[in-house]
Amino acid sequence: MSYHTSWLEFVMKPNRSARWTLINRVAPAFLVLIGASGAVAHDEVEIGRRTNGQLVVHYHGHGTIALEASIFPGLLGHATGLIGFHSVELHDPHGDLHELSPQSDIRAQLVAIDPGLLVRDGIHVMGVGDSMVFGSPFFDYHPVFHIPGGHRGDVFTATFRFVDANHIHMPSELFSMEFTIDAGCIADFNRDGGVDGEDVHAFFLEWEVGHAHADVNGDGGIDGADVAEFFDEWEHGHCD
């Protein structure tokens, strides 16, 4: 099975460690991205069919998806490419979930999306009515979900309908996904379990170079407002 993440036409291949290796199809370079994300490997959208031929979607995740600071070059704010859309591999007759026809051509149509949330299909930012082309099974497709601004607690929704361009399977019901910003514990900036001067030092190291992690207020910029937000949280001396 091939793995695909659409940002800059990367192919994403999980290995046995906590790392993700992304192979760039455009340039013959290898970029290894190491780190955790609020969206994790089991946040997967599984696409199959019912006995009656209708496309059906099973989401293997946990409610609202929290996006951490973007690790993608040039993308400020919060983003992830770990959420995959993949075809069912095995029949589950008890759950009325079956493999797709090998002659099918599956696509995800964007039906609605909240302002402030972007779905990046390659270098293309999807608009309502656009489709991601998954093709015939078996597929595992990874777009990039991106919140360039926003604030902690904001929730953004994207709604899709899955269709078969070859009309072998009937369209799915509407499927919605919710996203928010995972700011973590701002006061414990270095995440060592304590709130002290080391967190101030760690914050300013990130802030001075304009790293996305220093965008603690989630507005898409690195400026004095982030300093004020950080110290407001840090002075509380604890994480809620």
C-alpha atoms as a PDB file:
ATOM      1  CA  MET A   1       0.000   0.000   0.000  1.00  0.00           C
ATOM      2  CA  SER A   2       1.273   3.465  -0.782  1.00  0.00           C
ATOM      3  CA  TYR A   3       0.963   6.331   1.666  1.00  0.00           C
ATOM      4  CA  HIS A   4       0.352   9.869   0.471  1.00  0.00           C
ATOM      5  CA  THR A   5       0.278  13.186   2.206  1.00  0.00           C
ATOM      6  CA  SER A   6      -0.667  15.940  -0.128  1.00  0.00           C
ATOM      7  CA  TRP A   7       1.369  18.865   1.243  1.00  0.00           C
ATOM      8  CA  LEU A   8       4.007  19.513  -1.470  1.00  0.00           C
ATOM      9  CA  GLU A   9       3.280  16.005  -2.789  1.00  0.00           C
ATOM     10  CA  PHE A  10       4.967  14.252   0.121  1.00  0.00           C
ATOM     11  CA  VAL A  11       4.638  10.511   0.632  1.00  0.00           C
ATOM     12  CA  MET A  12       4.242   9.746   4.323  1.00  0.00           C
ATOM     13  CA  LYS A  13       5.515   6.433   5.599  1.00  0.00           C
ATOM     14  CA  PRO A  14       5.204   5.545   9.299  1.00  0.00           C
ATOM     15  CA  ASN A  15       8.053   3.513  10.722  1.00  0.00           C
ATOM     16  CA  ARG A  16       8.187   1.614  13.981  1.00  0.00           C
ATOM     17  CA  SER A  17       9.377   4.563  16.028  1.00  0.00           C
ATOM     18  CA  ALA A  18       7.423   7.716  16.868  1.00  0.00           C
ATOM     19  CA  ARG A  19       8.851   9.370  13.763  1.00  0.00           C
ATOM     20  CA  TRP A  20       7.319  10.107  10.401  1.00  0.00           C
ATOM     21  CA  THR A  21       9.460  10.089   7.277  1.00  0.00           C
ATOM     22  CA  LEU A  22       8.153  12.268   4.477  1.00  0.00           C
ATOM     23  CA  ILE A  23       9.577  11.676   1.020  1.00  0.00           C
ATOM     24  CA  ASN A  24       9.284  14.673  -1.269  1.00  0.00           C
ATOM     25  CA  ARG A  25       8.140  13.750  -4.761  1.00  0.00           C
ATOM     26  CA  VAL A  26       8.994  17.182  -6.119  1.00  0.00           C
ATOM     27  CA  ALA A  27      12.616  17.363  -4.964  1.00  0.00           C
ATOM     28  CA  PRO A  28      14.819  14.330  -4.360  1.00  0.00           C
ATOM     29  CA  ALA A  29      15.335  15.201  -0.722  1.00  0.00           C
ATOM     30  CA  PHE A  30      14.268  13.402   2.414  1.00  0.00           C
ATOM     31  CA  LEU A  31      12.771  15.330   5.307  1.00  0.00           C
ATOM     32  CA  VAL A  32      12.382  13.596   8.630  1.00  0.00           C
ATOM     33  CA  LEU A  33       9.930  15.263  10.971  1.00  0.00           C
ATOM     34  CA  ILE A  34      10.164  14.202  14.582  1.00  0.00           C
ATOM     35  CA  GLY A  35       7.586  15.053  17.184  1.00  0.00           C
ATOM     36  CA  ALA A  36       4.106  14.513  18.510  1.00  0.00           C
ATOM     37  CA  SER A  37       0.879  16.081  17.371  1.00  0.00           C
ATOM     38  CA  GLY A  38      -2.564  16.562  18.848  1.00  0.00           C
ATOM     39  CA  ALA A  39      -3.701  14.550  15.857  1.00  0.00           C
ATOM     40  CA  VAL A  40      -2.209  11.088  16.149  1.00  0.00           C
ATOM     41  CA  ALA A  41      -1.853   8.050  13.938  1.00  0.00           C
ATOM     42  CA  HIS A  42      -5.176   6.538  15.026  1.00  0.00           C
ATOM     43  CA  ASP A  43      -7.090   9.662  13.900  1.00  0.00           C
ATOM     44  CA  GLU A  44      -8.018   7.841  10.699  1.00  0.00           C
ATOM     45  CA  VAL A  45     -11.053   8.124   8.433  1.00  0.00           C
ATOM     46  CA  GLU A  46     -11.942   4.715   7.001  1.00  0.00           C
ATOM     47  CA  ILE A  47     -14.030   4.580   3.823  1.00  0.00           C
ATOM     48  CA  GLY A  48     -15.967   1.481   2.793  1.00  0.00           C
ATOM     49  CA  ARG A  49     -19.412   0.513   1.550  1.00  0.00           C
ATOM     50  CA  ARG A  50     -22.607  -0.887   2.993  1.00  0.00           C
ATOM     51  CA  THR A  51     -24.281  -4.014   1.673  1.00  0.00           C
ATOM     52  CA  ASN A  52     -26.622  -1.783  -0.343  1.00  0.00           C
ATOM     53  CA  GLY A  53     -23.641  -0.174  -2.092  1.00  0.00           C
ATOM     54  CA  GLN A  54     -23.684   3.186  -0.291  1.00  0.00           C
ATOM     55  CA  LEU A  55     -20.333   4.609   0.754  1.00  0.00           C
ATOM     56  CA  VAL A  56     -19.915   4.705   4.521  1.00  0.00           C
ATOM     57  CA  VAL A  57     -17.356   6.441   6.733  1.00  0.00           C
ATOM     58  CA  HIS A  58     -15.930   5.234  10.049  1.00  0.00           C
ATOM     59  CA  TYR A  59     -13.831   7.688  12.057  1.00  0.00           C
ATOM     60  CA  HIS A  60     -11.203   6.141  14.337  1.00  0.00           C
ATOM     61  CA  GLY A  61     -10.524   9.130  16.555  1.00  0.00           C
ATOM     62  CA  HIS A  62     -11.706  10.951  19.635  1.00  0.00           C
ATOM     63  CA  GLY A  63     -14.012  13.902  19.062  1.00  0.00           C
ATOM     64  CA  THR A  64     -12.550  17.320  18.335  1.00  0.00           C
ATOM     65  CA  ILE A  65      -9.050  17.126  16.845  1.00  0.00           C
ATOM     66  CA  ALA A  66      -6.488  19.422  18.484  1.00  0.00           C
ATOM     67  CA  LEU A  67      -3.827  20.774  16.134  1.00  0.00           C
ATOM     68  CA  GLU A  68      -0.401  21.607  17.537  1.00  0.00           C
ATOM     69  CA  ALA A  69       1.960  24.259  16.197  1.00  0.00           C
ATOM     70  CA  SER A  70       2.730  23.704  12.527  1.00  0.00           C
ATOM     71  CA  ILE A  71       5.921  21.854  11.632  1.00  0.00           C
ATOM     72  CA  PHE A  72       5.462  22.568   7.909  1.00  0.00           C
ATOM     73  CA  PRO A  73       7.857  25.132   6.405  1.00  0.00           C
ATOM     74  CA  GLY A  74       5.996  28.299   5.481  1.00  0.00           C
ATOM     75  CA  LEU A  75       2.781  27.386   7.310  1.00  0.00           C
ATOM     76  CA  LEU A  76       2.256  29.511  10.408  1.00  0.00           C
ATOM     77  CA  GLY A  77      -0.258  28.646  13.078  1.00  0.00           C
ATOM     78  CA  HIS A  78      -1.355  25.074  13.733  1.00  0.00           C
ATOM     79  CA  ALA A  79      -1.442  22.180  11.284  1.00  0.00           C
ATOM     80  CA  THR A  80      -1.242  18.413  10.868  1.00  0.00           C
ATOM     81  CA  GLY A  81      -0.816  15.922   8.056  1.00  0.00           C
ATOM     82  CA  LEU A  82      -1.273  12.854  10.265  1.00  0.00           C
ATOM     83  CA  ILE A  83      -4.992  12.375   9.617  1.00  0.00           C
ATOM     84  CA  GLY A  84      -5.447   9.825   6.848  1.00  0.00           C
ATOM     85  CA  PHE A  85      -8.368   8.887   4.623  1.00  0.00           C
ATOM     86  CA  HIS A  86      -7.978   5.223   3.782  1.00  0.00           C
ATOM     87  CA  SER A  87     -10.011   2.468   2.169  1.00  0.00           C
ATOM     88  CA  VAL A  88     -11.352  -0.480   4.119  1.00  0.00           C
ATOM     89  CA  GLU A  89      -8.998  -3.433   3.869  1.00  0.00           C
ATOM     90  CA  LEU A  90     -11.145  -6.208   5.350  1.00  0.00           C
ATOM     91  CA  HIS A  91     -14.850  -7.017   5.292  1.00  0.00           C
ATOM     92  CA  ASP A  92     -16.750  -6.516   8.545  1.00  0.00           C
ATOM     93  CA  PRO A  93     -20.161  -8.074   7.785  1.00  0.00           C
ATOM     94  CA  HIS A  94     -21.344  -7.640  11.363  1.00  0.00           C
ATOM     95  CA  GLY A  95     -20.786  -3.888  11.123  1.00  0.00           C
ATOM     96  CA  ASP A  96     -22.054  -3.730   7.515  1.00  0.00           C
ATOM     97  CA  LEU A  97     -18.681  -2.414   6.390  1.00  0.00           C
ATOM     98  CA  HIS A  98     -17.210  -3.883   3.223  1.00  0.00           C
ATOM     99  CA  GLU A  99     -14.323  -3.362   0.819  1.00  0.00           C
ATOM    100  CA  LEU A 100     -14.760  -0.946  -2.061  1.00  0.00           C
ATOM    101  CA  SER A 101     -14.965  -2.129  -5.647  1.00  0.00           C
ATOM    102  CA  PRO A 102     -11.529  -2.075  -7.324  1.00  0.00           C
ATOM    103  CA  GLN A 103     -13.232  -0.279 -10.216  1.00  0.00           C
ATOM    104  CA  SER A 104     -14.423   2.574  -7.988  1.00  0.00           C
ATOM    105  CA  ASP A 105     -12.920   6.087  -8.089  1.00  0.00           C
ATOM    106  CA  ILE A 106     -13.410   7.635  -4.648  1.00  0.00           C
ATOM    107  CA  ARG A 107     -13.383  11.355  -3.965  1.00  0.00           C
ATOM    108  CA  ALA A 108     -14.054  13.570  -0.949  1.00  0.00           C
ATOM    109  CA  GLN A 109     -16.161  16.621  -1.766  1.00  0.00           C
ATOM    110  CA  LEU A 110     -15.855  19.586   0.585  1.00  0.00           C
ATOM    111  CA  VAL A 111     -19.459  20.561   1.337  1.00  0.00           C
ATOM    112  CA  ALA A 112     -18.886  23.208   4.021  1.00  0.00           C
ATOM    113  CA  ILE A 113     -16.022  24.683   6.027  1.00  0.00           C
ATOM    114  CA  ASP A 114     -15.764  27.299   8.764  1.00  0.00           C
ATOM    115  CA  PRO A 115     -13.716  30.446   8.105  1.00  0.00           C
ATOM    116  CA  GLY A 116     -10.302  30.099   9.713  1.00  0.00           C
ATOM    117  CA  LEU A 117      -9.828  26.413   8.829  1.00  0.00           C
ATOM    118  CA  LEU A 118      -7.969  25.389   5.661  1.00  0.00           C
ATOM    119  CA  VAL A 119      -7.793  21.988   3.976  1.00  0.00           C
ATOM    120  CA  ARG A 120      -4.646  21.832   1.865  1.00  0.00           C
ATOM    121  CA  ASP A 121      -4.706  19.288  -0.955  1.00  0.00           C
ATOM    122  CA  GLY A 122      -1.155  19.593  -2.230  1.00  0.00           C
ATOM    123  CA  ILE A 123      -0.470  23.277  -2.791  1.00  0.00           C
ATOM    124  CA  HIS A 124      -4.184  23.820  -3.431  1.00  0.00           C
ATOM    125  CA  VAL A 125      -6.386  25.196  -0.647  1.00  0.00           C
ATOM    126  CA  MET A 126      -9.767  23.548  -1.035  1.00  0.00           C
ATOM    127  CA  GLY A 127     -12.922  25.580  -1.438  1.00  0.00           C
ATOM    128  CA  VAL A 128     -16.522  24.442  -1.064  1.00  0.00           C
ATOM    129  CA  GLY A 129     -17.321  22.188  -4.015  1.00  0.00           C
ATOM    130  CA  ASP A 130     -13.718  21.051  -4.519  1.00  0.00           C
ATOM    131  CA  SER A 131     -12.785  17.375  -4.270  1.00  0.00           C
ATOM    132  CA  MET A 132      -9.787  15.387  -3.096  1.00  0.00           C
ATOM    133  CA  VAL A 133      -9.197  12.497  -5.498  1.00  0.00           C
ATOM    134  CA  PHE A 134      -8.368   9.254  -3.688  1.00  0.00           C
ATOM    135  CA  GLY A 135      -8.820   6.995  -6.699  1.00  0.00           C
ATOM    136  CA  SER A 136      -9.271   3.236  -6.607  1.00  0.00           C
ATOM    137  CA  PRO A 137      -8.574   1.152  -3.498  1.00  0.00           C
ATOM    138  CA  PHE A 138      -6.380   0.617  -1.737  1.00  0.00           C
ATOM    139  CA  PHE A 139      -5.508   4.198  -0.779  1.00  0.00           C
ATOM    140  CA  ASP A 140      -4.259   6.129   2.272  1.00  0.00           C
ATOM    141  CA  TYR A 141      -4.449   9.869   1.624  1.00  0.00           C
ATOM    142  CA  HIS A 142      -3.190  12.603   3.935  1.00  0.00           C
ATOM    143  CA  PRO A 143      -4.175  16.216   3.313  1.00  0.00           C
ATOM    144  CA  VAL A 144      -2.981  18.963   5.640  1.00  0.00           C
ATOM    145  CA  PHE A 145      -5.519  20.539   7.988  1.00  0.00           C
ATOM    146  CA  HIS A 146      -4.365  24.043   8.870  1.00  0.00           C
ATOM    147  CA  ILE A 147      -5.563  26.752  11.282  1.00  0.00           C
ATOM    148  CA  PRO A 148      -3.359  29.791  10.509  1.00  0.00           C
ATOM    149  CA  GLY A 149      -4.912  31.995  13.210  1.00  0.00           C
ATOM    150  CA  GLY A 150      -7.619  31.568  15.793  1.00  0.00           C
ATOM    151  CA  HIS A 151      -7.515  31.417  19.566  1.00  0.00           C
ATOM    152  CA  ARG A 152      -7.569  28.700  22.168  1.00  0.00           C
ATOM    153  CA  GLY A 153     -11.068  27.292  22.502  1.00  0.00           C
ATOM    154  CA  ASP A 154     -12.105  28.130  18.936  1.00  0.00           C
ATOM    155  CA  VAL A 155     -13.678  25.176  17.131  1.00  0.00           C
ATOM    156  CA  PHE A 156     -13.734  24.838  13.338  1.00  0.00           C
ATOM    157  CA  THR A 157     -15.732  22.322  11.294  1.00  0.00           C
ATOM    158  CA  ALA A 158     -15.210  20.845   7.836  1.00  0.00           C
ATOM    159  CA  THR A 159     -17.951  18.733   6.242  1.00  0.00           C
ATOM    160  CA  PHE A 160     -17.387  16.227   3.450  1.00  0.00           C
ATOM    161  CA  ARG A 161     -19.407  13.926   1.243  1.00  0.00           C
ATOM    162  CA  PHE A 162     -17.666  10.901  -0.286  1.00  0.00           C
ATOM    163  CA  VAL A 163     -18.606   9.977  -3.832  1.00  0.00           C
ATOM    164  CA  ASP A 164     -17.628   7.448  -6.478  1.00  0.00           C
ATOM    165  CA  ALA A 165     -16.856   9.167  -9.788  1.00  0.00           C
ATOM    166  CA  ASN A 166     -17.512   5.848 -11.561  1.00  0.00           C
ATOM    167  CA  HIS A 167     -20.981   5.582  -9.953  1.00  0.00           C
ATOM    168  CA  ILE A 168     -20.475   2.047  -8.697  1.00  0.00           C
ATOM    169  CA  HIS A 169     -21.197   3.105  -5.119  1.00  0.00           C
ATOM    170  CA  MET A 170     -23.821   5.587  -3.934  1.00  0.00           C
ATOM    171  CA  PRO A 171     -22.649   8.790  -2.183  1.00  0.00           C
ATOM    172  CA  SER A 172     -22.098   8.716   1.567  1.00  0.00           C
ATOM    173  CA  GLU A 173     -24.012  10.690   4.134  1.00  0.00           C
ATOM    174  CA  LEU A 174     -22.431  13.975   5.206  1.00  0.00           C
ATOM    175  CA  PHE A 175     -19.374  13.567   7.440  1.00  0.00           C
ATOM    176  CA  SER A 176     -18.070  16.391   9.655  1.00  0.00           C
ATOM    177  CA  MET A 177     -14.748  16.830  11.439  1.00  0.00           C
ATOM    178  CA  GLU A 178     -14.067  19.349  14.217  1.00  0.00           C
ATOM    179  CA  PHE A 179     -10.705  20.996  14.851  1.00  0.00           C
ATOM    180  CA  THR A 180      -9.309  23.244  17.547  1.00  0.00           C
ATOM    181  CA  ILE A 181      -5.929  24.591  18.666  1.00  0.00           C
ATOM    182  CA  ASP A 182      -3.838  22.554  21.076  1.00  0.00           C
ATOM    183  CA  ALA A 183      -1.872  25.162  22.983  1.00  0.00           C
ATOM    184  CA  GLY A 184      -0.745  22.628  25.568  1.00  0.00           C
ATOM    185  CA  CYS A 185       0.221  24.175  28.880  1.00  0.00           C
ATOM    186  CA  ILE A 186       1.617  27.577  27.949  1.00  0.00           C
ATOM    187  CA  ALA A 187       3.112  28.219  31.393  1.00  0.00           C
ATOM    188  CA  ASP A 188       5.137  24.980  31.267  1.00  0.00           C
ATOM    189  CA  PHE A 189       6.582  26.003  27.911  1.00  0.00           C
ATOM    190  CA  ASN A 190       9.435  23.487  27.947  1.00  0.00           C
ATOM    191  CA  ARG A 191       7.050  20.751  29.147  1.00  0.00           C
ATOM    192  CA  ASP A 192       9.295  19.494  31.929  1.00  0.00           C
ATOM    193  CA  GLY A 193       6.426  19.328  34.425  1.00  0.00           C
ATOM    194  CA  GLY A 194       7.298  22.525  36.283  1.00  0.00           C
ATOM    195  CA  VAL A 195       6.671  26.256  35.862  1.00  0.00           C
ATOM    196  CA  ASP A 196       9.844  28.285  36.439  1.00  0.00           C
ATOM    197  CA  GLY A 197      12.489  30.468  34.842  1.00  0.00           C
ATOM    198  CA  GLU A 198      13.458  27.707  32.434  1.00  0.00           C
ATOM    199  CA  ASP A 199      10.087  28.155  30.736  1.00  0.00           C
ATOM    200  CA  VAL A 200      10.726  31.881  30.285  1.00  0.00           C
ATOM    201  CA  HIS A 201      14.109  31.114  28.745  1.00  0.00           C
ATOM    202  CA  ALA A 202      12.608  28.458  26.445  1.00  0.00           C
ATOM    203  CA  PHE A 203       9.802  30.763  25.344  1.00  0.00           C
ATOM    204  CA  PHE A 204      12.101  33.633  24.388  1.00  0.00           C
ATOM    205  CA  LEU A 205      14.422  31.326  22.466  1.00  0.00           C
ATOM    206  CA  GLU A 206      11.449  30.356  20.290  1.00  0.00           C
ATOM    207  CA  TRP A 207       9.969  33.862  20.184  1.00  0.00           C
ATOM    208  CA  GLU A 208      13.183  35.583  19.073  1.00  0.00           C
ATOM    209  CA  VAL A 209      13.505  33.331  16.000  1.00  0.00           C
ATOM    210  CA  GLY A 210       9.805  33.550  15.182  1.00  0.00           C
ATOM    211  CA  HIS A 211       9.089  29.843  15.678  1.00  0.00           C
ATOM    212  CA  ALA A 212       5.429  28.810  15.374  1.00  0.00           C
ATOM    213  CA  HIS A 213       5.471  27.399  18.930  1.00  0.00           C
ATOM    214  CA  ALA A 214       5.881  30.967  20.236  1.00  0.00           C
ATOM    215  CA  ASP A 215       2.488  31.903  18.743  1.00  0.00           C
ATOM    216  CA  VAL A 216       0.891  31.144  22.099  1.00  0.00           C
ATOM    217  CA  ASN A 217      -2.214  33.245  21.463  1.00  0.00           C
ATOM    218  CA  GLY A 218      -2.816  31.421  18.177  1.00  0.00           C
ATOM    219  CA  ASP A 219      -3.360  34.504  16.023  1.00  0.00           C
ATOM    220  CA  GLY A 220      -0.904  33.439  13.308  1.00  0.00           C
ATOM    221  CA  GLY A 221       1.785  36.017  14.196  1.00  0.00           C
ATOM    222  CA  ILE A 222       4.767  36.193  16.556  1.00  0.00           C
ATOM    223  CA  ASP A 223       4.750  39.526  18.372  1.00  0.00           C
ATOM    224  CA  GLY A 224       4.347  41.318  21.682  1.00  0.00           C
ATOM    225  CA  ALA A 225       0.846  39.948  22.152  1.00  0.00           C
ATOM    226  CA  ASP A 226       2.367  36.485  22.540  1.00  0.00           C
ATOM    227  CA  VAL A 227       4.754  37.786  25.228  1.00  0.00           C
ATOM    228  CA  ALA A 228       1.799  39.229  27.149  1.00  0.00           C
ATOM    229  CA  GLU A 229      -0.176  35.990  26.773  1.00  0.00           C
ATOM    230  CA  PHE A 230       2.764  33.884  27.908  1.00  0.00           C
ATOM    231  CA  PHE A 231       3.445  35.929  31.051  1.00  0.00           C
ATOM    232  CA  ASP A 232      -0.257  36.048  31.903  1.00  0.00           C
ATOM    233  CA  GLU A 233      -0.253  32.239  31.957  1.00  0.00           C
ATOM    234  CA  TRP A 234       3.185  31.890  33.540  1.00  0.00           C
ATOM    235  CA  GLU A 235       2.359  34.166  36.485  1.00  0.00           C
ATOM    236  CA  HIS A 236      -0.420  31.787  37.495  1.00  0.00           C
ATOM    237  CA  GLY A 237       2.358  29.309  38.182  1.00  0.00           C
ATOM    238  CA  HIS A 238       0.415  26.182  37.273  1.00  0.00           C
ATOM    239  CA  CYS A 239      -1.355  24.380  34.467  1.00  0.00           C
ATOM    240  CA  ASP A 240      -5.111  23.849  34.592  1.00  0.00           C
END
